[in-house]
Amino acid sequence: MVRVPLSPQERQRGERFGALLRLARGDRSMVDVAAAAGVSAETLRKIETGRAPTPAFFTVAALAHALDLSLDALVAACAQDAEDGGEALSA
């Protein structure tokens, strides 16, 4: 299976998403959040650094749950950040 290369916008969206997760994680360790979400710490590391810019929906949902974020708030924060570069997440 050949993967289509990601566009610059898709890579930027992945980087923004990773930054949102880091912000929401706060002082919690990556290992603790990954374990709570049922994903590996390496998976979370790749998402947070933008190396995995298109995680599966259920991974995103599990991380949102572990970080006590609603998916709606996460989407809104990503969209807001994309539109104006403002504060990403305040919830």
PDB file of N, CA and C in Angstrom:
ATOM      1  N   MET A   1       0.842  -1.174   0.000  1.00  0.00           N
ATOM      2  CA  MET A   1       0.000   0.000   0.000  1.00  0.00           C
ATOM      3  C   MET A   1       0.892   1.245   0.000  1.00  0.00           C
ATOM      4  N   VAL A   2       0.620   2.116  -0.922  1.00  0.00           N
ATOM      5  CA  VAL A   2       1.389   3.352  -1.049  1.00  0.00           C
ATOM      6  C   VAL A   2       0.613   4.481  -0.390  1.00  0.00           C
ATOM      7  N   ARG A   3       1.285   5.232   0.455  1.00  0.00           N
ATOM      8  CA  ARG A   3       0.642   6.370   1.102  1.00  0.00           C
ATOM      9  C   ARG A   3       0.874   7.631   0.292  1.00  0.00           C
ATOM     10  N   VAL A   4      -0.174   8.407   0.177  1.00  0.00           N
ATOM     11  CA  VAL A   4      -0.067   9.697  -0.486  1.00  0.00           C
ATOM     12  C   VAL A   4       0.634  10.646   0.491  1.00  0.00           C
ATOM     13  N   PRO A   5       1.629  11.371   0.020  1.00  0.00           N
ATOM     14  CA  PRO A   5       2.311  12.313   0.924  1.00  0.00           C
ATOM     15  C   PRO A   5       1.331  13.344   1.481  1.00  0.00           C
ATOM     16  N   LEU A   6       1.570  13.738   2.728  1.00  0.00           N
ATOM     17  CA  LEU A   6       0.716  14.739   3.349  1.00  0.00           C
ATOM     18  C   LEU A   6       1.026  16.120   2.805  1.00  0.00           C
ATOM     19  N   SER A   7       0.000  16.916   2.726  1.00  0.00           N
ATOM     20  CA  SER A   7       0.183  18.299   2.289  1.00  0.00           C
ATOM     21  C   SER A   7       0.791  19.105   3.440  1.00  0.00           C
ATOM     22  N   PRO A   8       1.364  20.246   3.137  1.00  0.00           N
ATOM     23  CA  PRO A   8       1.883  21.099   4.221  1.00  0.00           C
ATOM     24  C   PRO A   8       0.793  21.458   5.235  1.00  0.00           C
ATOM     25  N   GLN A   9      -0.435  21.668   4.777  1.00  0.00           N
ATOM     26  CA  GLN A   9      -1.532  21.995   5.681  1.00  0.00           C
ATOM     27  C   GLN A   9      -1.846  20.824   6.615  1.00  0.00           C
ATOM     28  N   GLU A  10      -1.798  19.608   6.090  1.00  0.00           N
ATOM     29  CA  GLU A  10      -2.048  18.433   6.924  1.00  0.00           C
ATOM     30  C   GLU A  10      -0.948  18.265   7.969  1.00  0.00           C
ATOM     31  N   ARG A  11       0.285  18.509   7.572  1.00  0.00           N
ATOM     32  CA  ARG A  11       1.392  18.429   8.543  1.00  0.00           C
ATOM     33  C   ARG A  11       1.242  19.503   9.613  1.00  0.00           C
ATOM     34  N   GLN A  12       0.874  20.719   9.219  1.00  0.00           N
ATOM     35  CA  GLN A  12       0.674  21.797  10.189  1.00  0.00           C
ATOM     36  C   GLN A  12      -0.478  21.487  11.136  1.00  0.00           C
ATOM     37  N   ARG A  13      -1.541  20.914  10.611  1.00  0.00           N
ATOM     38  CA  ARG A  13      -2.673  20.531  11.460  1.00  0.00           C
ATOM     39  C   ARG A  13      -2.238  19.495  12.483  1.00  0.00           C
ATOM     40  N   GLY A  14      -1.416  18.536  12.076  1.00  0.00           N
ATOM     41  CA  GLY A  14      -0.898  17.539  13.002  1.00  0.00           C
ATOM     42  C   GLY A  14      -0.026  18.159  14.075  1.00  0.00           C
ATOM     43  N   GLU A  15       0.789  19.138  13.693  1.00  0.00           N
ATOM     44  CA  GLU A  15       1.626  19.840  14.674  1.00  0.00           C
ATOM     45  C   GLU A  15       0.775  20.631  15.653  1.00  0.00           C
ATOM     46  N   ARG A  16      -0.281  21.289  15.155  1.00  0.00           N
ATOM     47  CA  ARG A  16      -1.186  22.032  16.040  1.00  0.00           C
ATOM     48  C   ARG A  16      -1.878  21.090  17.009  1.00  0.00           C
ATOM     49  N   PHE A  17      -2.333  19.954  16.509  1.00  0.00           N
ATOM     50  CA  PHE A  17      -3.005  18.977  17.357  1.00  0.00           C
ATOM     51  C   PHE A  17      -2.058  18.483  18.448  1.00  0.00           C
ATOM     52  N   GLY A  18      -0.829  18.194  18.079  1.00  0.00           N
ATOM     53  CA  GLY A  18       0.155  17.752  19.065  1.00  0.00           C
ATOM     54  C   GLY A  18       0.399  18.796  20.131  1.00  0.00           C
ATOM     55  N   ALA A  19       0.483  20.051  19.713  1.00  0.00           N
ATOM     56  CA  ALA A  19       0.684  21.144  20.666  1.00  0.00           C
ATOM     57  C   ALA A  19      -0.509  21.259  21.616  1.00  0.00           C
ATOM     58  N   LEU A  20      -1.717  21.065  21.099  1.00  0.00           N
ATOM     59  CA  LEU A  20      -2.907  21.098  21.946  1.00  0.00           C
ATOM     60  C   LEU A  20      -2.869  19.994  22.994  1.00  0.00           C
ATOM     61  N   LEU A  21      -2.441  18.810  22.579  1.00  0.00           N
ATOM     62  CA  LEU A  21      -2.356  17.710  23.527  1.00  0.00           C
ATOM     63  C   LEU A  21      -1.308  17.987  24.600  1.00  0.00           C
ATOM     64  N   ARG A  22      -0.160  18.519  24.200  1.00  0.00           N
ATOM     65  CA  ARG A  22       0.878  18.855  25.181  1.00  0.00           C
ATOM     66  C   ARG A  22       0.364  19.879  26.183  1.00  0.00           C
ATOM     67  N   LEU A  23      -0.342  20.885  25.688  1.00  0.00           N
ATOM     68  CA  LEU A  23      -0.898  21.912  26.551  1.00  0.00           C
ATOM     69  C   LEU A  23      -1.915  21.302  27.521  1.00  0.00           C
ATOM     70  N   ALA A  24      -2.789  20.463  27.020  1.00  0.00           N
ATOM     71  CA  ALA A  24      -3.812  19.836  27.853  1.00  0.00           C
ATOM     72  C   ALA A  24      -3.196  18.860  28.857  1.00  0.00           C
ATOM     73  N   ARG A  25      -2.106  18.232  28.484  1.00  0.00           N
ATOM     74  CA  ARG A  25      -1.444  17.264  29.367  1.00  0.00           C
ATOM     75  C   ARG A  25      -0.846  17.963  30.574  1.00  0.00           C
ATOM     76  N   GLY A  26      -0.392  19.202  30.395  1.00  0.00           N
ATOM     77  CA  GLY A  26       0.147  19.977  31.507  1.00  0.00           C
ATOM     78  C   GLY A  26       1.312  19.281  32.178  1.00  0.00           C
ATOM     79  N   ASP A  27       1.197  19.090  33.501  1.00  0.00           N
ATOM     80  CA  ASP A  27       2.262  18.469  34.283  1.00  0.00           C
ATOM     81  C   ASP A  27       2.194  16.950  34.304  1.00  0.00           C
ATOM     82  N   ARG A  28       1.136  16.384  33.748  1.00  0.00           N
ATOM     83  CA  ARG A  28       1.028  14.913  33.730  1.00  0.00           C
ATOM     84  C   ARG A  28       2.096  14.341  32.821  1.00  0.00           C
ATOM     85  N   SER A  29       2.614  13.203  33.200  1.00  0.00           N
ATOM     86  CA  SER A  29       3.649  12.589  32.368  1.00  0.00           C
ATOM     87  C   SER A  29       3.035  11.975  31.123  1.00  0.00           C
ATOM     88  N   MET A  30       3.837  11.886  30.091  1.00  0.00           N
ATOM     89  CA  MET A  30       3.406  11.285  28.845  1.00  0.00           C
ATOM     90  C   MET A  30       3.001   9.825  29.075  1.00  0.00           C
ATOM     91  N   VAL A  31       3.746   9.129  29.911  1.00  0.00           N
ATOM     92  CA  VAL A  31       3.469   7.719  30.197  1.00  0.00           C
ATOM     93  C   VAL A  31       2.114   7.572  30.885  1.00  0.00           C
ATOM     94  N   ASP A  32       1.814   8.440  31.849  1.00  0.00           N
ATOM     95  CA  ASP A  32       0.529   8.366  32.551  1.00  0.00           C
ATOM     96  C   ASP A  32      -0.646   8.613  31.613  1.00  0.00           C
ATOM     97  N   VAL A  33      -0.532   9.627  30.779  1.00  0.00           N
ATOM     98  CA  VAL A  33      -1.622   9.952  29.848  1.00  0.00           C
ATOM     99  C   VAL A  33      -1.789   8.842  28.816  1.00  0.00           C
ATOM    100  N   ALA A  34      -0.688   8.342  28.290  1.00  0.00           N
ATOM    101  CA  ALA A  34      -0.755   7.259  27.308  1.00  0.00           C
ATOM    102  C   ALA A  34      -1.415   6.019  27.918  1.00  0.00           C
ATOM    103  N   ALA A  35      -1.029   5.675  29.129  1.00  0.00           N
ATOM    104  CA  ALA A  35      -1.618   4.508  29.795  1.00  0.00           C
ATOM    105  C   ALA A  35      -3.113   4.714  30.026  1.00  0.00           C
ATOM    106  N   ALA A  36      -3.505   5.908  30.455  1.00  0.00           N
ATOM    107  CA  ALA A  36      -4.924   6.196  30.679  1.00  0.00           C
ATOM    108  C   ALA A  36      -5.726   6.107  29.387  1.00  0.00           C
ATOM    109  N   ALA A  37      -5.082   6.436  28.271  1.00  0.00           N
ATOM    110  CA  ALA A  37      -5.763   6.394  26.969  1.00  0.00           C
ATOM    111  C   ALA A  37      -5.679   5.018  26.313  1.00  0.00           C
ATOM    112  N   GLY A  38      -4.832   4.151  26.845  1.00  0.00           N
ATOM    113  CA  GLY A  38      -4.683   2.825  26.248  1.00  0.00           C
ATOM    114  C   GLY A  38      -3.845   2.822  24.983  1.00  0.00           C
ATOM    115  N   VAL A  39      -2.932   3.781  24.881  1.00  0.00           N
ATOM    116  CA  VAL A  39      -2.010   3.826  23.744  1.00  0.00           C
ATOM    117  C   VAL A  39      -0.584   3.791  24.294  1.00  0.00           C
ATOM    118  N   SER A  40       0.361   3.519  23.444  1.00  0.00           N
ATOM    119  CA  SER A  40       1.742   3.488  23.906  1.00  0.00           C
ATOM    120  C   SER A  40       2.270   4.912  24.069  1.00  0.00           C
ATOM    121  N   ALA A  41       3.253   5.039  24.941  1.00  0.00           N
ATOM    122  CA  ALA A  41       3.886   6.347  25.125  1.00  0.00           C
ATOM    123  C   ALA A  41       4.530   6.798  23.820  1.00  0.00           C
ATOM    124  N   GLU A  42       5.048   5.867  23.038  1.00  0.00           N
ATOM    125  CA  GLU A  42       5.666   6.217  21.755  1.00  0.00           C
ATOM    126  C   GLU A  42       4.619   6.770  20.789  1.00  0.00           C
ATOM    127  N   THR A  43       3.431   6.207  20.785  1.00  0.00           N
ATOM    128  CA  THR A  43       2.356   6.739  19.938  1.00  0.00           C
ATOM    129  C   THR A  43       2.027   8.169  20.343  1.00  0.00           C
ATOM    130  N   LEU A  44       1.880   8.405  21.643  1.00  0.00           N
ATOM    131  CA  LEU A  44       1.593   9.760  22.112  1.00  0.00           C
ATOM    132  C   LEU A  44       2.737  10.701  21.771  1.00  0.00           C
ATOM    133  N   ARG A  45       3.961  10.247  21.922  1.00  0.00           N
ATOM    134  CA  ARG A  45       5.129  11.066  21.582  1.00  0.00           C
ATOM    135  C   ARG A  45       5.103  11.467  20.101  1.00  0.00           C
ATOM    136  N   LYS A  46       4.792  10.516  19.239  1.00  0.00           N
ATOM    137  CA  LYS A  46       4.729  10.803  17.806  1.00  0.00           C
ATOM    138  C   LYS A  46       3.618  11.795  17.474  1.00  0.00           C
ATOM    139  N   ILE A  47       2.486  11.661  18.137  1.00  0.00           N
ATOM    140  CA  ILE A  47       1.377  12.585  17.895  1.00  0.00           C
ATOM    141  C   ILE A  47       1.746  13.979  18.390  1.00  0.00           C
ATOM    142  N   GLU A  48       2.294  14.052  19.589  1.00  0.00           N
ATOM    143  CA  GLU A  48       2.638  15.358  20.167  1.00  0.00           C
ATOM    144  C   GLU A  48       3.718  16.083  19.375  1.00  0.00           C
ATOM    145  N   THR A  49       4.609  15.348  18.745  1.00  0.00           N
ATOM    146  CA  THR A  49       5.685  15.986  17.986  1.00  0.00           C
ATOM    147  C   THR A  49       5.321  16.207  16.527  1.00  0.00           C
ATOM    148  N   GLY A  50       4.138  15.753  16.121  1.00  0.00           N
ATOM    149  CA  GLY A  50       3.711  15.934  14.741  1.00  0.00           C
ATOM    150  C   GLY A  50       4.227  14.862  13.792  1.00  0.00           C
ATOM    151  N   ARG A  51       4.934  13.863  14.321  1.00  0.00           N
ATOM    152  CA  ARG A  51       5.435  12.788  13.464  1.00  0.00           C
ATOM    153  C   ARG A  51       4.326  11.825  13.052  1.00  0.00           C
ATOM    154  N   ALA A  52       3.202  11.855  13.757  1.00  0.00           N
ATOM    155  CA  ALA A  52       2.014  11.072  13.399  1.00  0.00           C
ATOM    156  C   ALA A  52       0.857  12.065  13.296  1.00  0.00           C
ATOM    157  N   PRO A  53       0.809  12.829  12.197  1.00  0.00           N
ATOM    158  CA  PRO A  53      -0.150  13.925  12.094  1.00  0.00           C
ATOM    159  C   PRO A  53      -1.587  13.506  11.823  1.00  0.00           C
ATOM    160  N   THR A  54      -1.810  12.234  11.520  1.00  0.00           N
ATOM    161  CA  THR A  54      -3.180  11.790  11.240  1.00  0.00           C
ATOM    162  C   THR A  54      -3.522  10.550  12.070  1.00  0.00           C
ATOM    163  N   PRO A  55      -3.611  10.710  13.393  1.00  0.00           N
ATOM    164  CA  PRO A  55      -3.938   9.547  14.223  1.00  0.00           C
ATOM    165  C   PRO A  55      -5.358   9.068  13.969  1.00  0.00           C
ATOM    166  N   ALA A  56      -5.595   7.804  14.281  1.00  0.00           N
ATOM    167  CA  ALA A  56      -6.922   7.216  14.109  1.00  0.00           C
ATOM    168  C   ALA A  56      -7.931   7.905  15.027  1.00  0.00           C
ATOM    169  N   PHE A  57      -9.171   7.922  14.597  1.00  0.00           N
ATOM    170  CA  PHE A  57     -10.222   8.576  15.375  1.00  0.00           C
ATOM    171  C   PHE A  57     -10.289   8.038  16.794  1.00  0.00           C
ATOM    172  N   PHE A  58     -10.238   6.725  16.962  1.00  0.00           N
ATOM    173  CA  PHE A  58     -10.372   6.151  18.293  1.00  0.00           C
ATOM    174  C   PHE A  58      -9.179   6.490  19.178  1.00  0.00           C
ATOM    175  N   THR A  59      -8.018   6.714  18.586  1.00  0.00           N
ATOM    176  CA  THR A  59      -6.863   7.182  19.350  1.00  0.00           C
ATOM    177  C   THR A  59      -7.112   8.602  19.840  1.00  0.00           C
ATOM    178  N   VAL A  60      -7.611   9.444  18.958  1.00  0.00           N
ATOM    179  CA  VAL A  60      -7.932  10.831  19.326  1.00  0.00           C
ATOM    180  C   VAL A  60      -8.994  10.842  20.423  1.00  0.00           C
ATOM    181  N   ALA A  61     -10.032  10.026  20.254  1.00  0.00           N
ATOM    182  CA  ALA A  61     -11.113   9.983  21.244  1.00  0.00           C
ATOM    183  C   ALA A  61     -10.586   9.491  22.595  1.00  0.00           C
ATOM    184  N   ALA A  62      -9.732   8.486  22.600  1.00  0.00           N
ATOM    185  CA  ALA A  62      -9.178   7.961  23.852  1.00  0.00           C
ATOM    186  C   ALA A  62      -8.305   8.996  24.538  1.00  0.00           C
ATOM    187  N   LEU A  63      -7.502   9.726  23.772  1.00  0.00           N
ATOM    188  CA  LEU A  63      -6.657  10.765  24.348  1.00  0.00           C
ATOM    189  C   LEU A  63      -7.508  11.910  24.904  1.00  0.00           C
ATOM    190  N   ALA A  64      -8.549  12.291  24.165  1.00  0.00           N
ATOM    191  CA  ALA A  64      -9.444  13.351  24.645  1.00  0.00           C
ATOM    192  C   ALA A  64     -10.082  12.938  25.964  1.00  0.00           C
ATOM    193  N   HIS A  65     -10.514  11.698  26.050  1.00  0.00           N
ATOM    194  CA  HIS A  65     -11.129  11.200  27.287  1.00  0.00           C
ATOM    195  C   HIS A  65     -10.112  11.209  28.435  1.00  0.00           C
ATOM    196  N   ALA A  66      -8.905  10.739  28.170  1.00  0.00           N
ATOM    197  CA  ALA A  66      -7.865  10.689  29.207  1.00  0.00           C
ATOM    198  C   ALA A  66      -7.484  12.085  29.688  1.00  0.00           C
ATOM    199  N   LEU A  67      -7.600  13.063  28.814  1.00  0.00           N
ATOM    200  CA  LEU A  67      -7.248  14.448  29.161  1.00  0.00           C
ATOM    201  C   LEU A  67      -8.463  15.269  29.577  1.00  0.00           C
ATOM    202  N   ASP A  68      -9.612  14.606  29.672  1.00  0.00           N
ATOM    203  CA  ASP A  68     -10.864  15.257  30.067  1.00  0.00           C
ATOM    204  C   ASP A  68     -11.210  16.416  29.131  1.00  0.00           C
ATOM    205  N   LEU A  69     -11.061  16.172  27.839  1.00  0.00           N
ATOM    206  CA  LEU A  69     -11.411  17.146  26.809  1.00  0.00           C
ATOM    207  C   LEU A  69     -12.587  16.610  26.010  1.00  0.00           C
ATOM    208  N   SER A  70     -13.495  17.478  25.632  1.00  0.00           N
ATOM    209  CA  SER A  70     -14.549  17.038  24.729  1.00  0.00           C
ATOM    210  C   SER A  70     -13.983  17.088  23.306  1.00  0.00           C
ATOM    211  N   LEU A  71     -14.470  16.209  22.474  1.00  0.00           N
ATOM    212  CA  LEU A  71     -14.029  16.231  21.080  1.00  0.00           C
ATOM    213  C   LEU A  71     -14.439  17.539  20.418  1.00  0.00           C
ATOM    214  N   ASP A  72     -15.602  18.060  20.787  1.00  0.00           N
ATOM    215  CA  ASP A  72     -16.041  19.345  20.235  1.00  0.00           C
ATOM    216  C   ASP A  72     -15.063  20.458  20.594  1.00  0.00           C
ATOM    217  N   ALA A  73     -14.625  20.490  21.848  1.00  0.00           N
ATOM    218  CA  ALA A  73     -13.677  21.531  22.280  1.00  0.00           C
ATOM    219  C   ALA A  73     -12.344  21.367  21.564  1.00  0.00           C
ATOM    220  N   LEU A  74     -11.934  20.136  21.360  1.00  0.00           N
ATOM    221  CA  LEU A  74     -10.670  19.867  20.678  1.00  0.00           C
ATOM    222  C   LEU A  74     -10.735  20.328  19.221  1.00  0.00           C
ATOM    223  N   VAL A  75     -11.823  20.007  18.549  1.00  0.00           N
ATOM    224  CA  VAL A  75     -11.996  20.442  17.160  1.00  0.00           C
ATOM    225  C   VAL A  75     -12.044  21.962  17.077  1.00  0.00           C
ATOM    226  N   ALA A  76     -12.801  22.569  17.986  1.00  0.00           N
ATOM    227  CA  ALA A  76     -12.912  24.033  17.982  1.00  0.00           C
ATOM    228  C   ALA A  76     -11.552  24.675  18.224  1.00  0.00           C
ATOM    229  N   ALA A  77     -10.770  24.114  19.133  1.00  0.00           N
ATOM    230  CA  ALA A  77      -9.449  24.669  19.425  1.00  0.00           C
ATOM    231  C   ALA A  77      -8.520  24.528  18.226  1.00  0.00           C
ATOM    232  N   CYS A  78      -8.577  23.396  17.545  1.00  0.00           N
ATOM    233  CA  CYS A  78      -7.743  23.213  16.342  1.00  0.00           C
ATOM    234  C   CYS A  78      -8.166  24.196  15.261  1.00  0.00           C
ATOM    235  N   ALA A  79      -9.464  24.379  15.087  1.00  0.00           N
ATOM    236  CA  ALA A  79      -9.957  25.293  14.057  1.00  0.00           C
ATOM    237  C   ALA A  79      -9.600  26.730  14.402  1.00  0.00           C
ATOM    238  N   GLN A  80      -9.752  27.115  15.658  1.00  0.00           N
ATOM    239  CA  GLN A  80      -9.427  28.476  16.078  1.00  0.00           C
ATOM    240  C   GLN A  80      -7.948  28.738  15.856  1.00  0.00           C
ATOM    241  N   ASP A  81      -7.118  27.793  16.251  1.00  0.00           N
ATOM    242  CA  ASP A  81      -5.680  27.962  16.098  1.00  0.00           C
ATOM    243  C   ASP A  81      -5.302  28.078  14.630  1.00  0.00           C
ATOM    244  N   ALA A  82      -5.983  27.335  13.781  1.00  0.00           N
ATOM    245  CA  ALA A  82      -5.692  27.384  12.350  1.00  0.00           C
ATOM    246  C   ALA A  82      -6.104  28.720  11.751  1.00  0.00           C
ATOM    247  N   GLU A  83      -7.211  29.277  12.253  1.00  0.00           N
ATOM    248  CA  GLU A  83      -7.736  30.516  11.682  1.00  0.00           C
ATOM    249  C   GLU A  83      -6.941  31.748  12.093  1.00  0.00           C
ATOM    250  N   ASP A  84      -6.609  31.839  13.407  1.00  0.00           N
ATOM    251  CA  ASP A  84      -5.999  33.085  13.851  1.00  0.00           C
ATOM    252  C   ASP A  84      -4.729  32.917  14.655  1.00  0.00           C
ATOM    253  N   GLY A  85      -4.277  31.687  14.859  1.00  0.00           N
ATOM    254  CA  GLY A  85      -3.062  31.475  15.611  1.00  0.00           C
ATOM    255  C   GLY A  85      -3.173  31.884  17.062  1.00  0.00           C
ATOM    256  N   GLY A  86      -4.413  32.016  17.558  1.00  0.00           N
ATOM    257  CA  GLY A  86      -4.650  32.468  18.926  1.00  0.00           C
ATOM    258  C   GLY A  86      -4.403  31.379  19.947  1.00  0.00           C
ATOM    259  N   GLU A  87      -4.827  31.650  21.153  1.00  0.00           N
ATOM    260  CA  GLU A  87      -4.691  30.676  22.226  1.00  0.00           C
ATOM    261  C   GLU A  87      -5.410  29.407  21.821  1.00  0.00           C
ATOM    262  N   ALA A  88      -4.726  28.292  21.946  1.00  0.00           N
ATOM    263  CA  ALA A  88      -5.231  27.045  21.405  1.00  0.00           C
ATOM    264  C   ALA A  88      -6.313  26.404  22.255  1.00  0.00           C
ATOM    265  N   LEU A  89      -6.115  26.310  23.545  1.00  0.00           N
ATOM    266  CA  LEU A  89      -7.034  25.526  24.347  1.00  0.00           C
ATOM    267  C   LEU A  89      -7.199  26.176  25.705  1.00  0.00           C
ATOM    268  N   SER A  90      -8.410  26.495  26.049  1.00  0.00           N
ATOM    269  CA  SER A  90      -8.646  27.113  27.342  1.00  0.00           C
ATOM    270  C   SER A  90      -9.610  26.302  28.186  1.00  0.00           C
ATOM    271  N   ALA A  91     -10.043  25.149  27.672  1.00  0.00           N
ATOM    272  CA  ALA A  91     -11.021  24.334  28.411  1.00  0.00           C
ATOM    273  C   ALA A  91     -10.342  23.384  29.354  1.00  0.00           C
TER     274      ALA A  91
END
